[in-house]
Amino acid sequence: SIQGWGPFFASHGIVTMTIGTNNPPKDFPKDRADALVDAILTLRAENARKESPIFQRLDLSRIAVSGWSMGGGGAQLAAVQNPTLKAAIGLCPWHEPGGIFNHAVPLLIIGGENDRRAPFNEHGLIHYCTTPSTTPKLLFEVRGAGHWVANGPKGVYRDTGNGDVGRIALAWLKVFLVGDERYKKFLSIKPQSASRFESNIRGVSSGDDKTIDASSVCDTLDSL
């Protein structure tokens, strides 16, 4: 369901491996994290295998992870386990209550305002706010969207047809995975489709030329 991200990132020069899950209802975030770590090992092995189409073509110092729903929780746990990762993206992430994600891997959270399977205030917002304030992070909540809004660069929701989801995700990887600061400008303007758009990255604004207060979105937790 998320395989559309593969050719999208690849078209921008980012080698991408997408994986499925053996038992979607029962493979919880810890299982998904283990699968992501195994995928990284597979890519490393393919980079060393002479018959591989990606033989010696990967920069093994630049690896990122992403996941959708429980896979988003898995991406967070993979970042906790692997501090050398350059970036992590949680797409409508889900995790058991009480999750705290103590890592320094730059984190992007994308979710839907009307997500019923992983309600944003109970999951995506918690992911963002329980990741340390010292970790570069950005939160993008898509107005009126549901749980499938980030299954691909254009999602499945009609209001993401302008490419906001794909644009933000790509810019995140270009800046933190590739190291291309030119893409930072795409993270600096609140997308029209955003109901909430917050970051602690210096120079990123909400569209009114003010630097975002990293604690502002997390202040709402007290009233939930």
Protein backbone atom coordinates (compact mmCIF):
# COMPACT_ATOMS: atom_id res chain seq x y z
CA SER A 1 0.00 0.00 0.00
CA ILE A 2 2.99 2.33 0.33
CA GLN A 3 5.00 1.14 -2.67
CA GLY A 4 4.32 4.38 -4.57
CA TRP A 5 7.03 6.02 -2.50
CA GLY A 6 9.67 3.77 -4.11
CA PRO A 7 9.68 5.10 -7.69
CA PHE A 8 9.00 8.63 -6.41
CA PHE A 9 12.14 8.78 -4.26
CA ALA A 10 14.15 6.83 -6.84
CA SER A 11 13.26 9.41 -9.49
CA HIS A 12 14.99 11.97 -7.28
CA GLY A 13 18.15 9.90 -6.88
CA ILE A 14 17.33 8.19 -3.57
CA VAL A 15 17.65 4.40 -3.69
CA THR A 16 14.53 3.08 -1.97
CA MET A 17 13.49 -0.33 -0.70
CA THR A 18 9.86 -0.87 0.32
CA ILE A 19 8.77 -3.85 2.39
CA GLY A 20 5.52 -5.46 3.42
CA THR A 21 4.55 -7.14 6.66
CA ASN A 22 3.70 -10.78 7.29
CA ASN A 23 0.71 -10.22 9.54
CA PRO A 24 -0.59 -6.62 9.47
CA PRO A 25 -2.97 -6.90 12.46
CA LYS A 26 -0.41 -8.63 14.69
CA ASP A 27 2.94 -7.20 13.59
CA PHE A 28 3.23 -4.36 16.09
CA PRO A 29 5.76 -1.49 15.94
CA LYS A 30 8.56 -3.56 17.50
CA ASP A 31 8.13 -6.17 14.74
CA ARG A 32 8.08 -3.43 12.11
CA ALA A 33 11.24 -1.91 13.57
CA ASP A 34 12.99 -5.28 13.37
CA ALA A 35 11.86 -5.58 9.74
CA LEU A 36 13.24 -2.14 8.88
CA VAL A 37 16.57 -2.98 10.49
CA ASP A 38 16.64 -6.25 8.53
CA ALA A 39 15.90 -4.31 5.32
CA ILE A 40 18.93 -2.11 6.00
CA LEU A 41 21.08 -5.22 6.44
CA THR A 42 19.72 -6.54 3.14
CA LEU A 43 20.66 -3.33 1.34
CA ARG A 44 24.15 -3.45 2.81
CA ALA A 45 24.50 -7.05 1.64
CA GLU A 46 23.26 -6.16 -1.84
CA ASN A 47 25.76 -3.34 -2.04
CA ALA A 48 28.52 -5.91 -1.45
CA ARG A 49 27.14 -8.64 -3.75
CA LYS A 50 28.81 -8.51 -7.18
CA GLU A 51 25.70 -9.73 -9.02
CA SER A 52 23.51 -7.10 -7.40
CA PRO A 53 22.08 -4.25 -9.52
CA ILE A 54 23.18 -1.87 -6.75
CA PHE A 55 26.67 -3.34 -6.30
CA GLN A 56 28.88 -0.61 -4.75
CA ARG A 57 26.34 2.06 -5.70
CA LEU A 58 25.08 2.90 -2.22
CA ASP A 59 26.41 5.47 0.21
CA LEU A 60 26.13 3.34 3.36
CA SER A 61 26.77 6.38 5.56
CA ARG A 62 23.42 7.85 4.46
CA ILE A 63 20.47 5.68 5.44
CA ALA A 64 16.95 6.71 6.46
CA VAL A 65 13.81 4.81 7.48
CA SER A 66 10.11 5.44 7.08
CA GLY A 67 6.92 3.61 7.88
CA TRP A 68 3.15 3.94 7.75
CA SER A 69 0.73 3.35 10.63
CA MET A 70 2.33 0.73 12.91
CA GLY A 71 5.29 0.98 10.55
CA GLY A 72 5.57 4.62 11.56
CA GLY A 73 5.98 3.45 15.14
CA GLY A 74 8.51 0.98 13.81
CA ALA A 75 10.47 3.76 12.10
CA GLN A 76 10.65 5.62 15.41
CA LEU A 77 11.89 2.53 17.25
CA ALA A 78 14.41 1.86 14.48
CA ALA A 79 15.73 5.38 15.00
CA VAL A 80 16.09 4.68 18.72
CA GLN A 81 18.02 1.48 17.92
CA ASN A 82 20.15 3.05 15.17
CA PRO A 83 21.45 6.51 16.10
CA THR A 84 23.55 6.60 12.91
CA LEU A 85 20.43 6.95 10.76
CA LYS A 86 20.26 10.28 8.95
CA ALA A 87 16.48 10.70 8.94
CA ALA A 88 13.19 9.08 9.91
CA ILE A 89 9.67 9.66 8.59
CA GLY A 90 6.52 8.55 10.36
CA LEU A 91 3.49 8.39 8.06
CA CYS A 92 0.27 8.47 10.12
CA PRO A 93 2.31 6.71 12.81
CA TRP A 94 0.73 4.47 15.45
CA HIS A 95 2.24 3.28 18.69
CA GLU A 96 1.05 1.91 22.00
CA PRO A 97 0.26 4.52 24.68
CA GLY A 98 3.23 5.71 26.66
CA GLY A 99 5.73 5.63 23.84
CA ILE A 100 8.75 7.89 24.33
CA PHE A 101 11.20 8.17 21.46
CA ASN A 102 14.55 9.27 22.80
CA HIS A 103 16.75 9.65 19.73
CA ALA A 104 18.54 12.37 17.79
CA VAL A 105 17.57 11.23 14.27
CA PRO A 106 15.84 14.09 12.37
CA LEU A 107 12.14 13.23 12.44
CA LEU A 108 9.28 14.11 10.11
CA ILE A 109 5.71 13.27 11.15
CA ILE A 110 2.93 13.41 8.54
CA GLY A 111 -0.65 12.62 9.47
CA GLY A 112 -4.31 13.27 8.80
CA GLU A 113 -6.54 15.59 10.79
CA ASN A 114 -9.45 13.13 10.58
CA ASP A 115 -7.48 9.89 10.98
CA ARG A 116 -9.76 7.43 12.81
CA ARG A 117 -7.34 4.47 12.93
CA ALA A 118 -4.46 6.41 14.44
CA PRO A 119 -6.05 9.67 15.65
CA PHE A 120 -3.45 12.36 15.27
CA ASN A 121 -3.80 13.79 18.76
CA GLU A 122 -3.31 10.33 20.26
CA HIS A 123 -0.50 9.12 18.00
CA GLY A 124 1.23 11.48 15.54
CA LEU A 125 1.25 14.38 17.98
CA ILE A 126 2.58 12.12 20.75
CA HIS A 127 5.33 10.87 18.43
CA TYR A 128 6.37 14.43 17.74
CA CYS A 129 6.17 15.73 21.30
CA THR A 130 7.88 12.79 23.02
CA THR A 131 10.86 13.03 20.68
CA PRO A 132 13.48 15.29 22.34
CA SER A 133 13.31 19.00 21.61
CA THR A 134 16.98 18.81 20.67
CA THR A 135 16.14 16.48 17.77
CA PRO A 136 15.37 18.28 14.49
CA LYS A 137 11.70 17.58 13.84
CA LEU A 138 8.72 18.73 11.82
CA LEU A 139 5.02 17.95 12.12
CA PHE A 140 2.65 18.19 9.13
CA GLU A 141 -1.03 17.45 9.74
CA VAL A 142 -3.13 17.41 6.55
CA ARG A 143 -6.47 19.15 6.86
CA GLY A 144 -9.51 16.88 6.66
CA ALA A 145 -7.45 13.83 5.70
CA GLY A 146 -7.60 10.26 7.00
CA HIS A 147 -5.28 7.35 7.66
CA TRP A 148 -4.22 6.83 4.03
CA VAL A 149 -3.20 10.41 3.28
CA ALA A 150 0.51 9.57 3.21
CA ASN A 151 0.48 6.16 1.50
CA GLY A 152 2.21 7.79 -1.45
CA PRO A 153 3.59 11.17 -2.46
CA LYS A 154 0.09 12.31 -3.40
CA GLY A 155 -1.76 10.22 -0.84
CA VAL A 156 -5.30 9.15 -1.70
CA TYR A 157 -7.08 12.25 -0.48
CA ARG A 158 -8.20 14.72 -3.13
CA ASP A 159 -6.75 17.77 -1.34
CA THR A 160 -3.21 16.38 -1.49
CA GLY A 161 -3.22 16.38 -5.29
CA ASN A 162 -0.98 19.45 -5.25
CA GLY A 163 1.82 17.21 -3.97
CA ASP A 164 2.30 18.72 -0.51
CA VAL A 165 2.87 15.33 1.15
CA GLY A 166 5.48 14.24 -1.38
CA ARG A 167 7.12 17.67 -1.49
CA ILE A 168 7.64 17.83 2.27
CA ALA A 169 8.85 14.22 2.55
CA LEU A 170 11.30 14.64 -0.32
CA ALA A 171 12.61 17.93 1.05
CA TRP A 172 13.15 16.28 4.43
CA LEU A 173 15.29 13.54 2.91
CA LYS A 174 17.15 15.93 0.64
CA VAL A 175 18.13 18.11 3.60
CA PHE A 176 18.90 15.49 6.24
CA LEU A 177 19.75 12.36 4.23
CA VAL A 178 21.46 13.88 1.21
CA GLY A 179 22.68 17.07 2.89
CA ASP A 180 21.31 19.45 0.25
CA GLU A 181 20.38 22.65 2.11
CA ARG A 182 18.72 24.09 -0.99
CA TYR A 183 15.63 22.01 -0.21
CA LYS A 184 15.24 23.61 3.20
CA LYS A 185 13.13 26.33 1.62
CA PHE A 186 10.41 23.75 0.90
CA LEU A 187 10.20 23.10 4.63
CA SER A 188 9.91 26.78 5.45
CA ILE A 189 6.39 27.53 4.21
CA LYS A 190 3.20 26.07 5.65
CA PRO A 191 1.46 24.06 2.90
CA GLN A 192 -2.07 25.15 1.98
CA SER A 193 -3.30 21.67 2.87
CA ALA A 194 -1.92 21.81 6.44
CA SER A 195 -4.18 22.08 9.48
CA ARG A 196 -1.06 22.10 11.69
CA PHE A 197 2.53 22.64 10.64
CA GLU A 198 5.19 22.95 13.33
CA SER A 199 8.95 22.59 13.52
CA ASN A 200 11.90 23.31 15.79
CA ILE A 201 14.26 23.82 12.85
CA ARG A 202 15.80 27.26 12.75
CA GLY A 203 14.62 29.19 9.74
CA VAL A 204 11.46 27.15 9.27
CA SER A 205 8.38 29.31 9.65
CA SER A 206 4.63 28.90 9.69
CA GLY A 207 4.23 31.17 6.70
CA ASP A 208 4.06 34.46 8.60
CA ASP A 209 7.84 35.03 8.79
CA LYS A 210 7.96 34.02 12.46
CA THR A 211 10.16 31.24 13.73
CA ILE A 212 7.99 28.43 15.05
CA ASP A 213 7.99 27.89 18.80
CA ALA A 214 8.78 24.20 19.07
CA SER A 215 6.68 23.83 22.21
CA SER A 216 3.52 25.44 20.85
CA VAL A 217 1.95 22.37 19.27
CA CYS A 218 2.86 20.22 22.27
CA ASP A 219 1.14 22.63 24.64
CA THR A 220 -2.17 21.26 23.31
CA LEU A 221 -1.40 17.91 24.97
CA ASP A 222 -2.41 19.39 28.31
CA SER A 223 -5.95 19.94 27.08
CA LEU A 224 -6.46 16.57 25.37
